[in-house]
Amino acid sequence: MAARCRAAIGVILYFIGAVGSHLRVRDPATNAAIPLVLAIAALTLRLATT
């Protein structure tokens, strides 16, 4: 269980970096924001069911 949560947190951090990179070059960050929201939702659901 803990490994899955760590993996989910790693994915969230990855997508936060992706959104930041898109914003840095003034590119719309919607392409990276969608998976970020999904990763946060998956982690939230995982933590709520354990």
PDB file of N, CA and C in Angstrom:
ATOM      1  N   MET A   1       0.817  -1.192   0.000  1.00  0.00           N
ATOM      2  CA  MET A   1       0.000   0.000   0.000  1.00  0.00           C
ATOM      3  C   MET A   1       0.861   1.255   0.000  1.00  0.00           C
ATOM      4  N   ALA A   2       1.858   1.309   0.844  1.00  0.00           N
ATOM      5  CA  ALA A   2       2.693   2.495   0.951  1.00  0.00           C
ATOM      6  C   ALA A   2       3.447   2.768  -0.348  1.00  0.00           C
ATOM      7  N   ALA A   3       3.852   1.709  -1.027  1.00  0.00           N
ATOM      8  CA  ALA A   3       4.578   1.893  -2.287  1.00  0.00           C
ATOM      9  C   ALA A   3       3.689   2.531  -3.336  1.00  0.00           C
ATOM     10  N   ARG A   4       2.422   2.151  -3.361  1.00  0.00           N
ATOM     11  CA  ARG A   4       1.504   2.748  -4.335  1.00  0.00           C
ATOM     12  C   ARG A   4       1.271   4.222  -4.047  1.00  0.00           C
ATOM     13  N   CYS A   5       1.183   4.572  -2.774  1.00  0.00           N
ATOM     14  CA  CYS A   5       1.004   5.983  -2.421  1.00  0.00           C
ATOM     15  C   CYS A   5       2.239   6.796  -2.781  1.00  0.00           C
ATOM     16  N   ARG A   6       3.423   6.211  -2.543  1.00  0.00           N
ATOM     17  CA  ARG A   6       4.654   6.917  -2.924  1.00  0.00           C
ATOM     18  C   ARG A   6       4.730   7.094  -4.426  1.00  0.00           C
ATOM     19  N   ALA A   7       4.296   6.083  -5.165  1.00  0.00           N
ATOM     20  CA  ALA A   7       4.301   6.189  -6.619  1.00  0.00           C
ATOM     21  C   ALA A   7       3.322   7.265  -7.081  1.00  0.00           C
ATOM     22  N   ALA A   8       2.157   7.325  -6.453  1.00  0.00           N
ATOM     23  CA  ALA A   8       1.172   8.345  -6.816  1.00  0.00           C
ATOM     24  C   ALA A   8       1.699   9.742  -6.506  1.00  0.00           C
ATOM     25  N   ILE A   9       2.372   9.879  -5.383  1.00  0.00           N
ATOM     26  CA  ILE A   9       2.957  11.181  -5.038  1.00  0.00           C
ATOM     27  C   ILE A   9       4.040  11.556  -6.043  1.00  0.00           C
ATOM     28  N   GLY A  10       4.827  10.577  -6.480  1.00  0.00           N
ATOM     29  CA  GLY A  10       5.845  10.835  -7.500  1.00  0.00           C
ATOM     30  C   GLY A  10       5.238  11.290  -8.814  1.00  0.00           C
ATOM     31  N   VAL A  11       4.132  10.681  -9.208  1.00  0.00           N
ATOM     32  CA  VAL A  11       3.450  11.081 -10.446  1.00  0.00           C
ATOM     33  C   VAL A  11       2.912  12.497 -10.311  1.00  0.00           C
ATOM     34  N   ILE A  12       2.360  12.814  -9.164  1.00  0.00           N
ATOM     35  CA  ILE A  12       1.846  14.167  -8.940  1.00  0.00           C
ATOM     36  C   ILE A  12       2.976  15.186  -9.028  1.00  0.00           C
ATOM     37  N   LEU A  13       4.107  14.887  -8.403  1.00  0.00           N
ATOM     38  CA  LEU A  13       5.247  15.810  -8.479  1.00  0.00           C
ATOM     39  C   LEU A  13       5.752  15.965  -9.906  1.00  0.00           C
ATOM     40  N   TYR A  14       5.726  14.871 -10.655  1.00  0.00           N
ATOM     41  CA  TYR A  14       6.139  14.926 -12.060  1.00  0.00           C
ATOM     42  C   TYR A  14       5.244  15.886 -12.838  1.00  0.00           C
ATOM     43  N   PHE A  15       3.939  15.753 -12.661  1.00  0.00           N
ATOM     44  CA  PHE A  15       3.019  16.605 -13.415  1.00  0.00           C
ATOM     45  C   PHE A  15       3.031  18.046 -12.925  1.00  0.00           C
ATOM     46  N   ILE A  16       3.339  18.270 -11.661  1.00  0.00           N
ATOM     47  CA  ILE A  16       3.522  19.651 -11.197  1.00  0.00           C
ATOM     48  C   ILE A  16       4.708  20.273 -11.931  1.00  0.00           C
ATOM     49  N   GLY A  17       5.771  19.498 -12.084  1.00  0.00           N
ATOM     50  CA  GLY A  17       6.921  19.983 -12.860  1.00  0.00           C
ATOM     51  C   GLY A  17       6.566  20.223 -14.319  1.00  0.00           C
ATOM     52  N   ALA A  18       5.734  19.358 -14.873  1.00  0.00           N
ATOM     53  CA  ALA A  18       5.323  19.534 -16.270  1.00  0.00           C
ATOM     54  C   ALA A  18       4.501  20.804 -16.443  1.00  0.00           C
ATOM     55  N   VAL A  19       3.574  21.049 -15.519  1.00  0.00           N
ATOM     56  CA  VAL A  19       2.777  22.282 -15.589  1.00  0.00           C
ATOM     57  C   VAL A  19       3.692  23.492 -15.452  1.00  0.00           C
ATOM     58  N   GLY A  20       4.640  23.419 -14.519  1.00  0.00           N
ATOM     59  CA  GLY A  20       5.591  24.524 -14.354  1.00  0.00           C
ATOM     60  C   GLY A  20       6.418  24.775 -15.605  1.00  0.00           C
ATOM     61  N   SER A  21       6.821  23.706 -16.271  1.00  0.00           N
ATOM     62  CA  SER A  21       7.589  23.862 -17.514  1.00  0.00           C
ATOM     63  C   SER A  21       6.751  24.501 -18.610  1.00  0.00           C
ATOM     64  N   HIS A  22       5.500  24.098 -18.706  1.00  0.00           N
ATOM     65  CA  HIS A  22       4.615  24.706 -19.700  1.00  0.00           C
ATOM     66  C   HIS A  22       4.412  26.188 -19.405  1.00  0.00           C
ATOM     67  N   LEU A  23       4.238  26.524 -18.149  1.00  0.00           N
ATOM     68  CA  LEU A  23       4.044  27.933 -17.787  1.00  0.00           C
ATOM     69  C   LEU A  23       5.310  28.742 -18.020  1.00  0.00           C
ATOM     70  N   ARG A  24       6.468  28.124 -17.806  1.00  0.00           N
ATOM     71  CA  ARG A  24       7.737  28.831 -17.980  1.00  0.00           C
ATOM     72  C   ARG A  24       7.941  29.276 -19.423  1.00  0.00           C
ATOM     73  N   VAL A  25       7.501  28.472 -20.377  1.00  0.00           N
ATOM     74  CA  VAL A  25       7.659  28.834 -21.786  1.00  0.00           C
ATOM     75  C   VAL A  25       6.396  29.482 -22.355  1.00  0.00           C
ATOM     76  N   ARG A  26       5.482  29.842 -21.438  1.00  0.00           N
ATOM     77  CA  ARG A  26       4.223  30.512 -21.801  1.00  0.00           C
ATOM     78  C   ARG A  26       3.375  29.697 -22.772  1.00  0.00           C
ATOM     79  N   ASP A  27       3.372  28.391 -22.538  1.00  0.00           N
ATOM     80  CA  ASP A  27       2.532  27.474 -23.316  1.00  0.00           C
ATOM     81  C   ASP A  27       1.341  27.109 -22.434  1.00  0.00           C
ATOM     82  N   PRO A  28       0.148  27.046 -22.996  1.00  0.00           N
ATOM     83  CA  PRO A  28      -0.994  26.672 -22.152  1.00  0.00           C
ATOM     84  C   PRO A  28      -0.750  25.330 -21.462  1.00  0.00           C
ATOM     85  N   ALA A  29      -0.971  25.301 -20.169  1.00  0.00           N
ATOM     86  CA  ALA A  29      -0.642  24.116 -19.375  1.00  0.00           C
ATOM     87  C   ALA A  29      -1.793  23.121 -19.299  1.00  0.00           C
ATOM     88  N   THR A  30      -2.791  23.251 -20.133  1.00  0.00           N
ATOM     89  CA  THR A  30      -3.942  22.359 -20.016  1.00  0.00           C
ATOM     90  C   THR A  30      -3.572  20.918 -20.331  1.00  0.00           C
ATOM     91  N   ASN A  31      -2.607  20.694 -21.221  1.00  0.00           N
ATOM     92  CA  ASN A  31      -2.224  19.331 -21.564  1.00  0.00           C
ATOM     93  C   ASN A  31      -1.620  18.599 -20.372  1.00  0.00           C
ATOM     94  N   ALA A  32      -0.895  19.282 -19.529  1.00  0.00           N
ATOM     95  CA  ALA A  32      -0.284  18.650 -18.364  1.00  0.00           C
ATOM     96  C   ALA A  32      -1.191  18.724 -17.139  1.00  0.00           C
ATOM     97  N   ALA A  33      -2.123  19.659 -17.129  1.00  0.00           N
ATOM     98  CA  ALA A  33      -2.989  19.822 -15.962  1.00  0.00           C
ATOM     99  C   ALA A  33      -4.009  18.697 -15.844  1.00  0.00           C
ATOM    100  N   ILE A  34      -4.469  18.163 -16.946  1.00  0.00           N
ATOM    101  CA  ILE A  34      -5.477  17.099 -16.909  1.00  0.00           C
ATOM    102  C   ILE A  34      -4.931  15.848 -16.227  1.00  0.00           C
ATOM    103  N   PRO A  35      -3.764  15.317 -16.617  1.00  0.00           N
ATOM    104  CA  PRO A  35      -3.230  14.163 -15.888  1.00  0.00           C
ATOM    105  C   PRO A  35      -2.890  14.490 -14.432  1.00  0.00           C
ATOM    106  N   LEU A  36      -2.514  15.740 -14.146  1.00  0.00           N
ATOM    107  CA  LEU A  36      -2.236  16.132 -12.766  1.00  0.00           C
ATOM    108  C   LEU A  36      -3.483  15.993 -11.918  1.00  0.00           C
ATOM    109  N   VAL A  37      -4.608  16.478 -12.430  1.00  0.00           N
ATOM    110  CA  VAL A  37      -5.870  16.375 -11.692  1.00  0.00           C
ATOM    111  C   VAL A  37      -6.253  14.907 -11.503  1.00  0.00           C
ATOM    112  N   LEU A  38      -6.065  14.094 -12.520  1.00  0.00           N
ATOM    113  CA  LEU A  38      -6.386  12.670 -12.407  1.00  0.00           C
ATOM    114  C   LEU A  38      -5.484  11.978 -11.383  1.00  0.00           C
ATOM    115  N   ALA A  39      -4.210  12.330 -11.353  1.00  0.00           N
ATOM    116  CA  ALA A  39      -3.285  11.725 -10.389  1.00  0.00           C
ATOM    117  C   ALA A  39      -3.649  12.118  -8.961  1.00  0.00           C
ATOM    118  N   ILE A  40      -4.033  13.370  -8.771  1.00  0.00           N
ATOM    119  CA  ILE A  40      -4.451  13.819  -7.435  1.00  0.00           C
ATOM    120  C   ILE A  40      -5.722  13.090  -7.019  1.00  0.00           C
ATOM    121  N   ALA A  41      -6.658  12.935  -7.945  1.00  0.00           N
ATOM    122  CA  ALA A  41      -7.891  12.210  -7.634  1.00  0.00           C
ATOM    123  C   ALA A  41      -7.608  10.760  -7.276  1.00  0.00           C
ATOM    124  N   ALA A  42      -6.705  10.118  -8.003  1.00  0.00           N
ATOM    125  CA  ALA A  42      -6.370   8.722  -7.721  1.00  0.00           C
ATOM    126  C   ALA A  42      -5.731   8.587  -6.329  1.00  0.00           C
ATOM    127  N   LEU A  43      -4.835   9.493  -5.987  1.00  0.00           N
ATOM    128  CA  LEU A  43      -4.204   9.441  -4.661  1.00  0.00           C
ATOM    129  C   LEU A  43      -5.233   9.693  -3.576  1.00  0.00           C
ATOM    130  N   THR A  44      -6.112  10.650  -3.787  1.00  0.00           N
ATOM    131  CA  THR A  44      -7.145  10.958  -2.806  1.00  0.00           C
ATOM    132  C   THR A  44      -8.053   9.755  -2.574  1.00  0.00           C
ATOM    133  N   LEU A  45      -8.480   9.135  -3.653  1.00  0.00           N
ATOM    134  CA  LEU A  45      -9.324   7.951  -3.506  1.00  0.00           C
ATOM    135  C   LEU A  45      -8.583   6.813  -2.831  1.00  0.00           C
ATOM    136  N   ARG A  46      -7.313   6.642  -3.143  1.00  0.00           N
ATOM    137  CA  ARG A  46      -6.518   5.575  -2.540  1.00  0.00           C
ATOM    138  C   ARG A  46      -6.395   5.799  -1.038  1.00  0.00           C
ATOM    139  N   LEU A  47      -6.142   7.040  -0.628  1.00  0.00           N
ATOM    140  CA  LEU A  47      -6.003   7.332   0.789  1.00  0.00           C
ATOM    141  C   LEU A  47      -7.346   7.228   1.519  1.00  0.00           C
ATOM    142  N   ALA A  48      -8.426   7.533   0.826  1.00  0.00           N
ATOM    143  CA  ALA A  48      -9.744   7.474   1.448  1.00  0.00           C
ATOM    144  C   ALA A  48     -10.222   6.040   1.648  1.00  0.00           C
ATOM    145  N   THR A  49      -9.742   5.118   0.840  1.00  0.00           N
ATOM    146  CA  THR A  49     -10.227   3.737   0.942  1.00  0.00           C
ATOM    147  C   THR A  49      -9.327   2.850   1.783  1.00  0.00           C
ATOM    148  N   THR A  50      -8.257   3.395   2.318  1.00  0.00           N
ATOM    149  CA  THR A  50      -7.384   2.565   3.151  1.00  0.00           C
ATOM    150  C   THR A  50      -7.477   2.951   4.600  1.00  0.00           C
TER     151      THR A  50
END
